[in-house]
Amino acid sequence: LQMNSLKPEDTAVYYCNAYYRRYSYSPYVDY
């Protein structure tokens, strides 16, 4: 995530999220 022209209101904890499946037969889940 390239963040330019940052503002004070951008202040936060930023969390990465992955929507993935472990195996080909597995459902997608969030992590």
PDB file of all heavy atoms in Angstrom:
ATOM      1  N   LEU A   1       0.854  -1.178   0.000  1.00  0.00           N
ATOM      2  CA  LEU A   1       0.000   0.000   0.000  1.00  0.00           C
ATOM      3  C   LEU A   1       0.892   1.231   0.000  1.00  0.00           C
ATOM      4  O   LEU A   1       1.538   1.533   1.003  1.00  0.00           O
ATOM      5  CB  LEU A   1      -0.932   0.024   1.216  1.00  0.00           C
ATOM      6  CG  LEU A   1      -1.958   1.156   1.235  1.00  0.00           C
ATOM      7  CD1 LEU A   1      -2.991   0.970   0.121  1.00  0.00           C
ATOM      8  CD2 LEU A   1      -2.655   1.236   2.590  1.00  0.00           C
ATOM      9  N   GLN A   2       0.938   1.908  -1.133  1.00  0.00           N
ATOM     10  CA  GLN A   2       1.671   3.160  -1.243  1.00  0.00           C
ATOM     11  C   GLN A   2       0.744   4.288  -0.825  1.00  0.00           C
ATOM     12  O   GLN A   2      -0.307   4.493  -1.434  1.00  0.00           O
ATOM     13  CB  GLN A   2       2.160   3.375  -2.674  1.00  0.00           C
ATOM     14  CG  GLN A   2       2.915   4.676  -2.890  1.00  0.00           C
ATOM     15  CD  GLN A   2       4.221   4.722  -2.144  1.00  0.00           C
ATOM     16  OE1 GLN A   2       4.983   3.749  -2.183  1.00  0.00           O
ATOM     17  NE2 GLN A   2       4.487   5.823  -1.460  1.00  0.00           N
ATOM     18  N   MET A   3       1.123   5.013   0.202  1.00  0.00           N
ATOM     19  CA  MET A   3       0.303   6.073   0.757  1.00  0.00           C
ATOM     20  C   MET A   3       1.004   7.407   0.557  1.00  0.00           C
ATOM     21  O   MET A   3       2.079   7.646   1.120  1.00  0.00           O
ATOM     22  CB  MET A   3       0.028   5.833   2.243  1.00  0.00           C
ATOM     23  CG  MET A   3      -0.605   4.478   2.541  1.00  0.00           C
ATOM     24  SD  MET A   3      -1.069   4.279   4.284  1.00  0.00           S
ATOM     25  CE  MET A   3       0.561   4.282   5.037  1.00  0.00           C
ATOM     26  N   ASN A   4       0.405   8.261  -0.249  1.00  0.00           N
ATOM     27  CA  ASN A   4       0.943   9.583  -0.527  1.00  0.00           C
ATOM     28  C   ASN A   4       0.012  10.657   0.015  1.00  0.00           C
ATOM     29  O   ASN A   4      -1.161  10.408   0.288  1.00  0.00           O
ATOM     30  CB  ASN A   4       1.132   9.778  -2.033  1.00  0.00           C
ATOM     31  CG  ASN A   4       2.114   8.817  -2.643  1.00  0.00           C
ATOM     32  OD1 ASN A   4       3.101   8.422  -2.012  1.00  0.00           O
ATOM     33  ND2 ASN A   4       1.870   8.436  -3.894  1.00  0.00           N
ATOM     34  N   SER A   5       0.539  11.862   0.138  1.00  0.00           N
ATOM     35  CA  SER A   5      -0.247  13.004   0.618  1.00  0.00           C
ATOM     36  C   SER A   5      -0.994  12.674   1.898  1.00  0.00           C
ATOM     37  O   SER A   5      -2.191  12.932   2.038  1.00  0.00           O
ATOM     38  CB  SER A   5      -1.225  13.469  -0.472  1.00  0.00           C
ATOM     39  OG  SER A   5      -0.541  13.830  -1.654  1.00  0.00           O
ATOM     40  N   LEU A   6      -0.291  12.101   2.841  1.00  0.00           N
ATOM     41  CA  LEU A   6      -0.917  11.648   4.082  1.00  0.00           C
ATOM     42  C   LEU A   6      -1.471  12.813   4.887  1.00  0.00           C
ATOM     43  O   LEU A   6      -0.893  13.904   4.918  1.00  0.00           O
ATOM     44  CB  LEU A   6       0.075  10.853   4.908  1.00  0.00           C
ATOM     45  CG  LEU A   6       0.308   9.422   4.413  1.00  0.00           C
ATOM     46  CD1 LEU A   6       1.592   8.853   4.988  1.00  0.00           C
ATOM     47  CD2 LEU A   6      -0.879   8.534   4.788  1.00  0.00           C
ATOM     48  N   LYS A   7      -2.589  12.548   5.537  1.00  0.00           N
ATOM     49  CA  LYS A   7      -3.290  13.522   6.351  1.00  0.00           C
ATOM     50  C   LYS A   7      -3.383  13.016   7.787  1.00  0.00           C
ATOM     51  O   LYS A   7      -3.354  11.810   8.019  1.00  0.00           O
ATOM     52  CB  LYS A   7      -4.706  13.760   5.804  1.00  0.00           C
ATOM     53  CG  LYS A   7      -4.764  14.182   4.350  1.00  0.00           C
ATOM     54  CD  LYS A   7      -6.205  14.249   3.865  1.00  0.00           C
ATOM     55  CE  LYS A   7      -6.277  14.645   2.407  1.00  0.00           C
ATOM     56  NZ  LYS A   7      -7.683  14.686   1.926  1.00  0.00           N
ATOM     57  N   PRO A   8      -3.526  13.919   8.753  1.00  0.00           N
ATOM     58  CA  PRO A   8      -3.681  13.464  10.141  1.00  0.00           C
ATOM     59  C   PRO A   8      -4.833  12.477  10.324  1.00  0.00           C
ATOM     60  O   PRO A   8      -4.730  11.573  11.163  1.00  0.00           O
ATOM     61  CB  PRO A   8      -3.935  14.765  10.909  1.00  0.00           C
ATOM     62  CG  PRO A   8      -3.211  15.792  10.116  1.00  0.00           C
ATOM     63  CD  PRO A   8      -3.404  15.383   8.675  1.00  0.00           C
ATOM     64  N   GLU A   9      -5.902  12.616   9.565  1.00  0.00           N
ATOM     65  CA  GLU A   9      -7.029  11.706   9.681  1.00  0.00           C
ATOM     66  C   GLU A   9      -6.729  10.300   9.163  1.00  0.00           C
ATOM     67  O   GLU A   9      -7.543   9.389   9.332  1.00  0.00           O
ATOM     68  CB  GLU A   9      -8.276  12.264   8.983  1.00  0.00           C
ATOM     69  CG  GLU A   9      -8.035  12.735   7.568  1.00  0.00           C
ATOM     70  CD  GLU A   9      -7.802  14.240   7.479  1.00  0.00           C
ATOM     71  OE1 GLU A   9      -7.040  14.768   8.302  1.00  0.00           O
ATOM     72  OE2 GLU A   9      -8.404  14.878   6.587  1.00  0.00           O
ATOM     73  N   ASP A  10      -5.579  10.110   8.532  1.00  0.00           N
ATOM     74  CA  ASP A  10      -5.146   8.775   8.140  1.00  0.00           C
ATOM     75  C   ASP A  10      -4.534   8.003   9.301  1.00  0.00           C
ATOM     76  O   ASP A  10      -4.249   6.809   9.163  1.00  0.00           O
ATOM     77  CB  ASP A  10      -4.130   8.843   6.996  1.00  0.00           C
ATOM     78  CG  ASP A  10      -4.720   9.395   5.714  1.00  0.00           C
ATOM     79  OD1 ASP A  10      -5.853   9.025   5.364  1.00  0.00           O
ATOM     80  OD2 ASP A  10      -4.031  10.199   5.052  1.00  0.00           O
ATOM     81  N   THR A  11      -4.310   8.670  10.414  1.00  0.00           N
ATOM     82  CA  THR A  11      -3.722   8.023  11.579  1.00  0.00           C
ATOM     83  C   THR A  11      -4.611   6.882  12.064  1.00  0.00           C
ATOM     84  O   THR A  11      -5.792   7.073  12.339  1.00  0.00           O
ATOM     85  CB  THR A  11      -3.515   9.033  12.707  1.00  0.00           C
ATOM     86  OG1 THR A  11      -2.562  10.021  12.290  1.00  0.00           O
ATOM     87  CG2 THR A  11      -2.996   8.350  13.966  1.00  0.00           C
ATOM     88  N   ALA A  12      -4.029   5.695  12.156  1.00  0.00           N
ATOM     89  CA  ALA A  12      -4.775   4.510  12.557  1.00  0.00           C
ATOM     90  C   ALA A  12      -3.819   3.329  12.628  1.00  0.00           C
ATOM     91  O   ALA A  12      -2.665   3.419  12.203  1.00  0.00           O
ATOM     92  CB  ALA A  12      -5.897   4.206  11.561  1.00  0.00           C
ATOM     93  N   VAL A  13      -4.323   2.227  13.153  1.00  0.00           N
ATOM     94  CA  VAL A  13      -3.640   0.954  13.011  1.00  0.00           C
ATOM     95  C   VAL A  13      -4.111   0.334  11.706  1.00  0.00           C
ATOM     96  O   VAL A  13      -5.312   0.204  11.470  1.00  0.00           O
ATOM     97  CB  VAL A  13      -3.921   0.007  14.187  1.00  0.00           C
ATOM     98  CG1 VAL A  13      -3.249  -1.335  13.961  1.00  0.00           C
ATOM     99  CG2 VAL A  13      -3.438   0.633  15.491  1.00  0.00           C
ATOM    100  N   TYR A  14      -3.181  -0.037  10.872  1.00  0.00           N
ATOM    101  CA  TYR A  14      -3.492  -0.615   9.572  1.00  0.00           C
ATOM    102  C   TYR A  14      -3.296  -2.126   9.634  1.00  0.00           C
ATOM    103  O   TYR A  14      -2.243  -2.614  10.047  1.00  0.00           O
ATOM    104  CB  TYR A  14      -2.608  -0.009   8.487  1.00  0.00           C
ATOM    105  CG  TYR A  14      -3.037   1.375   8.081  1.00  0.00           C
ATOM    106  CD1 TYR A  14      -2.904   2.444   8.955  1.00  0.00           C
ATOM    107  CD2 TYR A  14      -3.597   1.619   6.825  1.00  0.00           C
ATOM    108  CE1 TYR A  14      -3.319   3.714   8.606  1.00  0.00           C
ATOM    109  CE2 TYR A  14      -4.007   2.884   6.466  1.00  0.00           C
ATOM    110  CZ  TYR A  14      -3.870   3.934   7.353  1.00  0.00           C
ATOM    111  OH  TYR A  14      -4.279   5.194   6.996  1.00  0.00           O
ATOM    112  N   TYR A  15      -4.322  -2.850   9.214  1.00  0.00           N
ATOM    113  CA  TYR A  15      -4.324  -4.306   9.272  1.00  0.00           C
ATOM    114  C   TYR A  15      -4.346  -4.903   7.870  1.00  0.00           C
ATOM    115  O   TYR A  15      -5.149  -4.493   7.027  1.00  0.00           O
ATOM    116  CB  TYR A  15      -5.548  -4.821  10.028  1.00  0.00           C
ATOM    117  CG  TYR A  15      -5.596  -4.425  11.486  1.00  0.00           C
ATOM    118  CD1 TYR A  15      -6.235  -3.257  11.887  1.00  0.00           C
ATOM    119  CD2 TYR A  15      -5.016  -5.226  12.456  1.00  0.00           C
ATOM    120  CE1 TYR A  15      -6.287  -2.894  13.214  1.00  0.00           C
ATOM    121  CE2 TYR A  15      -5.065  -4.873  13.794  1.00  0.00           C
ATOM    122  CZ  TYR A  15      -5.708  -3.701  14.166  1.00  0.00           C
ATOM    123  OH  TYR A  15      -5.764  -3.349  15.487  1.00  0.00           O
ATOM    124  N   CYS A  16      -3.503  -5.872   7.670  1.00  0.00           N
ATOM    125  CA  CYS A  16      -3.514  -6.635   6.435  1.00  0.00           C
ATOM    126  C   CYS A  16      -4.530  -7.764   6.545  1.00  0.00           C
ATOM    127  O   CYS A  16      -4.676  -8.381   7.604  1.00  0.00           O
ATOM    128  CB  CYS A  16      -2.121  -7.201   6.168  1.00  0.00           C
ATOM    129  SG  CYS A  16      -1.980  -8.188   4.665  1.00  0.00           S
ATOM    130  N   ASN A  17      -5.226  -8.029   5.464  1.00  0.00           N
ATOM    131  CA  ASN A  17      -6.209  -9.096   5.416  1.00  0.00           C
ATOM    132  C   ASN A  17      -5.981  -9.954   4.178  1.00  0.00           C
ATOM    133  O   ASN A  17      -5.709  -9.431   3.095  1.00  0.00           O
ATOM    134  CB  ASN A  17      -7.629  -8.516   5.392  1.00  0.00           C
ATOM    135  CG  ASN A  17      -8.690  -9.576   5.173  1.00  0.00           C
ATOM    136  OD1 ASN A  17      -9.095  -9.840   4.032  1.00  0.00           O
ATOM    137  ND2 ASN A  17      -9.142 -10.185   6.251  1.00  0.00           N
ATOM    138  N   ALA A  18      -6.088 -11.255   4.360  1.00  0.00           N
ATOM    139  CA  ALA A  18      -6.011 -12.183   3.240  1.00  0.00           C
ATOM    140  C   ALA A  18      -7.258 -13.042   3.196  1.00  0.00           C
ATOM    141  O   ALA A  18      -7.699 -13.554   4.224  1.00  0.00           O
ATOM    142  CB  ALA A  18      -4.769 -13.064   3.348  1.00  0.00           C
ATOM    143  N   TYR A  19      -7.820 -13.178   2.027  1.00  0.00           N
ATOM    144  CA  TYR A  19      -8.971 -14.043   1.778  1.00  0.00           C
ATOM    145  C   TYR A  19      -8.427 -15.213   0.973  1.00  0.00           C
ATOM    146  O   TYR A  19      -8.119 -15.078  -0.213  1.00  0.00           O
ATOM    147  CB  TYR A  19     -10.042 -13.267   1.018  1.00  0.00           C
ATOM    148  CG  TYR A  19     -11.341 -13.987   0.788  1.00  0.00           C
ATOM    149  CD1 TYR A  19     -12.164 -14.344   1.844  1.00  0.00           C
ATOM    150  CD2 TYR A  19     -11.766 -14.277  -0.500  1.00  0.00           C
ATOM    151  CE1 TYR A  19     -13.366 -14.983   1.629  1.00  0.00           C
ATOM    152  CE2 TYR A  19     -12.969 -14.913  -0.729  1.00  0.00           C
ATOM    153  CZ  TYR A  19     -13.766 -15.266   0.351  1.00  0.00           C
ATOM    154  OH  TYR A  19     -14.961 -15.892   0.136  1.00  0.00           O
ATOM    155  N   TYR A  20      -8.292 -16.351   1.636  1.00  0.00           N
ATOM    156  CA  TYR A  20      -7.530 -17.445   1.034  1.00  0.00           C
ATOM    157  C   TYR A  20      -8.161 -18.793   1.324  1.00  0.00           C
ATOM    158  O   TYR A  20      -9.036 -18.923   2.180  1.00  0.00           O
ATOM    159  CB  TYR A  20      -6.096 -17.433   1.571  1.00  0.00           C
ATOM    160  CG  TYR A  20      -5.939 -18.083   2.923  1.00  0.00           C
ATOM    161  CD1 TYR A  20      -5.362 -19.343   3.049  1.00  0.00           C
ATOM    162  CD2 TYR A  20      -6.381 -17.443   4.078  1.00  0.00           C
ATOM    163  CE1 TYR A  20      -5.230 -19.945   4.291  1.00  0.00           C
ATOM    164  CE2 TYR A  20      -6.251 -18.040   5.319  1.00  0.00           C
ATOM    165  CZ  TYR A  20      -5.677 -19.291   5.421  1.00  0.00           C
ATOM    166  OH  TYR A  20      -5.544 -19.890   6.650  1.00  0.00           O
ATOM    167  N   ARG A  21      -7.689 -19.797   0.619  1.00  0.00           N
ATOM    168  CA  ARG A  21      -8.053 -21.179   0.918  1.00  0.00           C
ATOM    169  C   ARG A  21      -6.784 -21.999   1.062  1.00  0.00           C
ATOM    170  O   ARG A  21      -5.830 -21.838   0.297  1.00  0.00           O
ATOM    171  CB  ARG A  21      -8.992 -21.759  -0.132  1.00  0.00           C
ATOM    172  CG  ARG A  21      -8.521 -21.654  -1.573  1.00  0.00           C
ATOM    173  CD  ARG A  21      -9.557 -22.254  -2.522  1.00  0.00           C
ATOM    174  NE  ARG A  21      -9.170 -22.100  -3.912  1.00  0.00           N
ATOM    175  CZ  ARG A  21      -9.823 -22.624  -4.935  1.00  0.00           C
ATOM    176  NH1 ARG A  21     -10.918 -23.346  -4.715  1.00  0.00           N
ATOM    177  NH2 ARG A  21      -9.395 -22.427  -6.172  1.00  0.00           N
ATOM    178  N   ARG A  22      -6.795 -22.871   2.043  1.00  0.00           N
ATOM    179  CA  ARG A  22      -5.627 -23.671   2.358  1.00  0.00           C
ATOM    180  C   ARG A  22      -5.396 -24.774   1.330  1.00  0.00           C
ATOM    181  O   ARG A  22      -4.247 -25.068   0.969  1.00  0.00           O
ATOM    182  CB  ARG A  22      -5.782 -24.274   3.756  1.00  0.00           C
ATOM    183  CG  ARG A  22      -4.529 -24.902   4.310  1.00  0.00           C
ATOM    184  CD  ARG A  22      -4.766 -25.374   5.729  1.00  0.00           C
ATOM    185  NE  ARG A  22      -3.562 -25.953   6.314  1.00  0.00           N
ATOM    186  CZ  ARG A  22      -3.521 -26.534   7.494  1.00  0.00           C
ATOM    187  NH1 ARG A  22      -4.622 -26.631   8.233  1.00  0.00           N
ATOM    188  NH2 ARG A  22      -2.376 -27.026   7.942  1.00  0.00           N
ATOM    189  N   TYR A  23      -6.453 -25.388   0.881  1.00  0.00           N
ATOM    190  CA  TYR A  23      -6.385 -26.455  -0.108  1.00  0.00           C
ATOM    191  C   TYR A  23      -7.403 -26.180  -1.202  1.00  0.00           C
ATOM    192  O   TYR A  23      -8.302 -25.361  -1.043  1.00  0.00           O
ATOM    193  CB  TYR A  23      -6.664 -27.821   0.526  1.00  0.00           C
ATOM    194  CG  TYR A  23      -5.745 -28.156   1.670  1.00  0.00           C
ATOM    195  CD1 TYR A  23      -6.199 -28.095   2.984  1.00  0.00           C
ATOM    196  CD2 TYR A  23      -4.426 -28.536   1.441  1.00  0.00           C
ATOM    197  CE1 TYR A  23      -5.363 -28.401   4.043  1.00  0.00           C
ATOM    198  CE2 TYR A  23      -3.582 -28.834   2.502  1.00  0.00           C
ATOM    199  CZ  TYR A  23      -4.059 -28.770   3.796  1.00  0.00           C
ATOM    200  OH  TYR A  23      -3.218 -29.067   4.845  1.00  0.00           O
ATOM    201  N   SER A  24      -7.274 -26.903  -2.300  1.00  0.00           N
ATOM    202  CA  SER A  24      -8.150 -26.661  -3.431  1.00  0.00           C
ATOM    203  C   SER A  24      -9.612 -26.938  -3.102  1.00  0.00           C
ATOM    204  O   SER A  24     -10.508 -26.344  -3.713  1.00  0.00           O
ATOM    205  CB  SER A  24      -7.711 -27.504  -4.631  1.00  0.00           C
ATOM    206  OG  SER A  24      -7.806 -28.887  -4.347  1.00  0.00           O
ATOM    207  N   TYR A  25      -9.858 -27.819  -2.148  1.00  0.00           N
ATOM    208  CA  TYR A  25     -11.212 -28.193  -1.774  1.00  0.00           C
ATOM    209  C   TYR A  25     -11.747 -27.392  -0.589  1.00  0.00           C
ATOM    210  O   TYR A  25     -12.872 -27.603  -0.156  1.00  0.00           O
ATOM    211  CB  TYR A  25     -11.273 -29.689  -1.437  1.00  0.00           C
ATOM    212  CG  TYR A  25     -10.248 -30.135  -0.425  1.00  0.00           C
ATOM    213  CD1 TYR A  25     -10.468 -29.987   0.933  1.00  0.00           C
ATOM    214  CD2 TYR A  25      -9.045 -30.710  -0.849  1.00  0.00           C
ATOM    215  CE1 TYR A  25      -9.527 -30.389   1.857  1.00  0.00           C
ATOM    216  CE2 TYR A  25      -8.103 -31.124   0.069  1.00  0.00           C
ATOM    217  CZ  TYR A  25      -8.342 -30.960   1.426  1.00  0.00           C
ATOM    218  OH  TYR A  25      -7.394 -31.370   2.340  1.00  0.00           O
ATOM    219  N   SER A  26     -10.931 -26.483  -0.051  1.00  0.00           N
ATOM    220  CA  SER A  26     -11.303 -25.721   1.136  1.00  0.00           C
ATOM    221  C   SER A  26     -12.097 -24.482   0.772  1.00  0.00           C
ATOM    222  O   SER A  26     -11.916 -23.906  -0.301  1.00  0.00           O
ATOM    223  CB  SER A  26     -10.048 -25.306   1.906  1.00  0.00           C
ATOM    224  OG  SER A  26      -9.277 -26.428   2.292  1.00  0.00           O
ATOM    225  N   PRO A  27     -12.950 -24.039   1.683  1.00  0.00           N
ATOM    226  CA  PRO A  27     -13.618 -22.756   1.463  1.00  0.00           C
ATOM    227  C   PRO A  27     -12.658 -21.601   1.696  1.00  0.00           C
ATOM    228  O   PRO A  27     -11.654 -21.737   2.399  1.00  0.00           O
ATOM    229  CB  PRO A  27     -14.734 -22.757   2.514  1.00  0.00           C
ATOM    230  CG  PRO A  27     -14.182 -23.593   3.626  1.00  0.00           C
ATOM    231  CD  PRO A  27     -13.381 -24.677   2.947  1.00  0.00           C
ATOM    232  N   TYR A  28     -12.961 -20.463   1.116  1.00  0.00           N
ATOM    233  CA  TYR A  28     -12.178 -19.269   1.381  1.00  0.00           C
ATOM    234  C   TYR A  28     -12.509 -18.734   2.776  1.00  0.00           C
ATOM    235  O   TYR A  28     -13.671 -18.720   3.190  1.00  0.00           O
ATOM    236  CB  TYR A  28     -12.475 -18.188   0.348  1.00  0.00           C
ATOM    237  CG  TYR A  28     -11.792 -18.406  -0.980  1.00  0.00           C
ATOM    238  CD1 TYR A  28     -12.445 -19.049  -2.029  1.00  0.00           C
ATOM    239  CD2 TYR A  28     -10.491 -17.956  -1.188  1.00  0.00           C
ATOM    240  CE1 TYR A  28     -11.810 -19.245  -3.246  1.00  0.00           C
ATOM    241  CE2 TYR A  28      -9.858 -18.148  -2.397  1.00  0.00           C
ATOM    242  CZ  TYR A  28     -10.518 -18.796  -3.424  1.00  0.00           C
ATOM    243  OH  TYR A  28      -9.890 -18.987  -4.634  1.00  0.00           O
ATOM    244  N   VAL A  29     -11.470 -18.292   3.482  1.00  0.00           N
ATOM    245  CA  VAL A  29     -11.630 -17.711   4.801  1.00  0.00           C
ATOM    246  C   VAL A  29     -10.767 -16.466   4.910  1.00  0.00           C
ATOM    247  O   VAL A  29      -9.816 -16.279   4.141  1.00  0.00           O
ATOM    248  CB  VAL A  29     -11.258 -18.699   5.927  1.00  0.00           C
ATOM    249  CG1 VAL A  29     -12.201 -19.890   5.930  1.00  0.00           C
ATOM    250  CG2 VAL A  29      -9.813 -19.165   5.775  1.00  0.00           C
ATOM    251  N   ASP A  30     -11.095 -15.633   5.880  1.00  0.00           N
ATOM    252  CA  ASP A  30     -10.329 -14.419   6.148  1.00  0.00           C
ATOM    253  C   ASP A  30      -9.287 -14.660   7.225  1.00  0.00           C
ATOM    254  O   ASP A  30      -9.524 -15.407   8.183  1.00  0.00           O
ATOM    255  CB  ASP A  30     -11.250 -13.286   6.606  1.00  0.00           C
ATOM    256  CG  ASP A  30     -11.969 -12.609   5.470  1.00  0.00           C
ATOM    257  OD1 ASP A  30     -11.283 -12.029   4.597  1.00  0.00           O
ATOM    258  OD2 ASP A  30     -13.217 -12.653   5.453  1.00  0.00           O
ATOM    259  N   TYR A  31      -8.151 -14.013   7.080  1.00  0.00           N
ATOM    260  CA  TYR A  31      -7.115 -14.039   8.099  1.00  0.00           C
ATOM    261  C   TYR A  31      -6.528 -12.649   8.225  1.00  0.00           C
ATOM    262  O   TYR A  31      -6.352 -11.945   7.231  1.00  0.00           O
ATOM    263  CB  TYR A  31      -6.025 -15.054   7.758  1.00  0.00           C
ATOM    264  CG  TYR A  31      -5.217 -15.479   8.958  1.00  0.00           C
ATOM    265  CD1 TYR A  31      -5.672 -16.499   9.780  1.00  0.00           C
ATOM    266  CD2 TYR A  31      -4.021 -14.854   9.272  1.00  0.00           C
ATOM    267  CE1 TYR A  31      -4.945 -16.889  10.891  1.00  0.00           C
ATOM    268  CE2 TYR A  31      -3.285 -15.228  10.380  1.00  0.00           C
ATOM    269  CZ  TYR A  31      -3.756 -16.250  11.190  1.00  0.00           C
ATOM    270  OH  TYR A  31      -3.030 -16.630  12.290  1.00  0.00           O
TER     271      TYR A  31
END
